Amino acid sequence: MTMSVPAPPAELRRDAGRGVRRGDGRAALGFLAPSTTGFLLFTLIPLVGSLAISFFAWPVLGRRRFVGLENFTDLLGDPIFHQIMLNTLIFVVVYVPLNIVVSLGLALWISPRIRGRGLYRLLFFIPTVTPMIANALVWRLLYQPGGVIDQTVQTVFGVPAPNFLGDTRWAMAAVILMSVWQGFGYNMLVFSAGLDAIPQSIQDAAAIDGAGPLRRFWSITLPMLSPSMFFAMIMTLITSFQVFVQPYVLTRGGPGVTTETMVLHLYRQGFEQFDLGTASTIGWFLFMIIMLVTALQFLGQKRWVHYDG
């Protein structure tokens, strides 16, 4: 014979539910507190502080003076800053497509049918995880007159190689080439993972229907890889606008200001000229440009990114 246990009154059930919810809320706040505190201390507060500093003539030592929008108007009227913005744009426009094409090409080449696929992935990914400043120093030795590149060109063609880092016609190309070598490994792994997620049965069915390799690439591989490509393009665009180490180590922004980028110019203003107001203004110009480009990418993704598989 079983005895039925009466259900607790509705008031007790509501009180127990509220107690559980209150306990869950406190536990959630406890888990969120470290990351929230870090976000406030190291992201949000410095972001607001840099915006405030951009409205001041703020030397590291000396009297600070409120100037309103003067820092912004001075930069917009400075022809040198115009050239620096153009340098950054040239780097982005050339570097991003090259990075995507090289990464995608290598990801397609390192297919599951290639022997030693894991080894190739490791070798191509090594430049991404090695210190960028060390890589830049090595490339600087390669580029300089009398270096490996110069000696190879003289041996093969009998003429010296161009002064890659000292010639205004070659300096930016040298920076871009080194940057592509440094950064293609990450996107290669992203594309490789995306390619592995494409069912082989779809490719086989298209081949049976008579679609050649090029048709399968354009009609199947690229559409199904579009989410990975969108992610890679967004991340590569953001990091390319923030390029700093490569021009700083290779050319110091020269010759002249041929390879000086916005972040390098920000560094000079803040840590060499000690003009924190102008440096913060450059940072906000860069922030607005990155936000605008990213927003345009998200608005345009509906036309070419396919998430339905």
Foldseek 3Di string as FASTA:
>chain_A
DDDDDDDDDPVVVVVVVVVVVVVVVVVVCVVCVVVVVCCVPPPVVVLVVLVVLLQWQDFPDDDIGGNGCVLVVVLVPDVLNVLQAVLLVVLLVPQLVLLLVVLLVVLVVLAPVDPPSVVVLVVQCVLQPPDPLVLLLVLLQQQAWVHPVQVVCCVPPVDGDDNQQADLVRVSVSLSVSVSSNPSSVLSVLLNVQQVPQDVVVVVVVVVVPDDPVRCCVPPVQQSSQVSVLVSSLVSSLVSLQDDSNCCNNHVCDPVNSNNHLNSVLCCVCPVVSRSNSSSSSVVVSVVVSVVVNVVSVVPCVVRHDDPD
